[in-house]
Amino acid sequence: MSRSSQNPPVSDYWAQSIADTGQAYSPVYIGPQDGLMQADKIDSLSGQPDGGVDFDQYAGYVTVDPKAGRALFYYFVESPQSSSTNPLVLWLNGGIL
């Protein structure tokens, strides 16, 4: 026998929460992007070869709710060959800043 949650789906919850405040709901947050790519670039990591690696790597936070201070940590490694046509894998770890 399976049980169903008595809680509404998260998307319905947030839509209702925003509706209760009278604000327009938008599931997308877009903030200023200037300089973020260079700021998030990693020059080297402990354990990587002394001469460096043949790919670019980045790490930082993706803001998902600036008012609540919520962000997801990301680590991105570019493919050293054919990076514009290779598949993308996105790994995000949740957390609070």
Protein backbone atom coordinates (compact mmCIF):
# COMPACT_ATOMS: atom_id res chain seq x y z
CA MET A 1 0.00 0.00 0.00
CA SER A 2 1.43 3.39 -0.96
CA ARG A 3 0.83 6.71 0.72
CA SER A 4 0.48 10.10 -0.92
CA SER A 5 1.92 13.25 0.57
CA GLN A 6 -0.58 15.61 2.16
CA ASN A 7 1.65 18.53 1.15
CA PRO A 8 1.10 20.33 -2.16
CA PRO A 9 3.82 20.11 -4.81
CA VAL A 10 6.57 22.67 -4.24
CA SER A 11 5.78 24.65 -7.40
CA ASP A 12 2.14 25.08 -6.29
CA TYR A 13 3.26 26.10 -2.81
CA TRP A 14 5.54 28.88 -4.09
CA ALA A 15 2.99 30.11 -6.62
CA GLN A 16 0.38 30.36 -3.85
CA SER A 17 2.85 32.04 -1.45
CA ILE A 18 3.64 34.73 -4.01
CA ALA A 19 -0.06 35.13 -4.92
CA ASP A 20 -0.85 35.73 -1.24
CA THR A 21 1.59 38.68 -1.18
CA GLY A 22 0.16 40.24 -4.35
CA GLN A 23 3.55 40.09 -6.12
CA ALA A 24 4.07 38.82 -9.66
CA TYR A 25 5.54 35.32 -9.64
CA SER A 26 8.54 34.51 -11.79
CA PRO A 27 10.35 31.17 -11.42
CA VAL A 28 13.47 32.65 -13.02
CA TYR A 29 15.99 34.91 -11.27
CA ILE A 30 18.42 36.73 -13.55
CA GLY A 31 21.00 38.98 -11.95
CA PRO A 32 23.98 40.93 -13.27
CA GLN A 33 26.56 38.67 -14.94
CA ASP A 34 29.42 41.13 -15.53
CA GLY A 35 32.78 39.69 -14.48
CA LEU A 36 31.38 36.52 -12.93
CA MET A 37 33.06 34.11 -15.35
CA GLN A 38 36.56 35.44 -14.59
CA ALA A 39 35.81 35.67 -10.88
CA ASP A 40 34.77 31.98 -10.80
CA LYS A 41 37.72 30.67 -12.86
CA ILE A 42 40.03 28.27 -11.03
CA ASP A 43 43.72 28.55 -11.86
CA SER A 44 44.79 25.38 -10.07
CA LEU A 45 43.60 22.88 -7.50
CA SER A 46 45.51 20.88 -4.94
CA GLY A 47 46.54 17.55 -6.45
CA GLN A 48 46.46 18.72 -10.06
CA PRO A 49 49.71 18.55 -12.08
CA ASP A 50 52.23 21.34 -11.43
CA GLY A 51 52.27 22.26 -15.12
CA GLY A 52 48.53 22.83 -15.07
CA VAL A 53 45.72 21.14 -16.95
CA ASP A 54 44.55 21.50 -20.55
CA PHE A 55 41.01 22.61 -19.67
CA ASP A 56 39.36 25.55 -17.95
CA GLN A 57 37.50 25.01 -14.70
CA TYR A 58 35.14 27.21 -12.74
CA ALA A 59 33.40 27.11 -9.37
CA GLY A 60 31.01 29.42 -7.63
CA TYR A 61 27.43 29.95 -6.62
CA VAL A 62 24.27 30.27 -8.70
CA THR A 63 21.78 32.51 -6.89
CA VAL A 64 18.29 31.05 -6.89
CA ASP A 65 16.62 33.35 -4.36
CA PRO A 66 18.46 36.57 -3.53
CA LYS A 67 15.92 37.74 -0.92
CA ALA A 68 16.25 34.52 1.07
CA GLY A 69 20.00 34.26 0.39
CA ARG A 70 19.70 30.89 -1.33
CA ALA A 71 22.28 29.68 -3.81
CA LEU A 72 23.59 26.45 -5.30
CA PHE A 73 27.28 25.64 -5.53
CA TYR A 74 28.58 24.56 -8.94
CA TYR A 75 31.83 23.17 -10.32
CA PHE A 76 32.22 23.34 -14.10
CA VAL A 77 35.00 21.81 -16.22
CA GLU A 78 35.24 22.61 -19.91
CA SER A 79 35.96 19.74 -22.25
CA PRO A 80 39.51 20.04 -23.63
CA GLN A 81 38.36 18.92 -27.10
CA SER A 82 35.24 19.99 -29.02
CA SER A 83 33.77 21.79 -26.02
CA SER A 84 31.09 23.48 -28.12
CA THR A 85 29.65 20.14 -29.33
CA ASN A 86 30.26 17.80 -26.39
CA PRO A 87 27.38 17.07 -24.00
CA LEU A 88 27.11 19.13 -20.82
CA VAL A 89 26.86 17.58 -17.37
CA LEU A 90 25.75 19.96 -14.62
CA TRP A 91 26.41 19.02 -11.02
CA LEU A 92 24.85 21.24 -8.36
CA ASN A 93 25.05 20.85 -4.60
CA GLY A 94 22.37 22.63 -2.66
CA GLY A 95 23.07 24.85 0.27
CA ILE A 96 22.56 28.21 1.87
CA LEU A 97 25.03 31.06 1.72
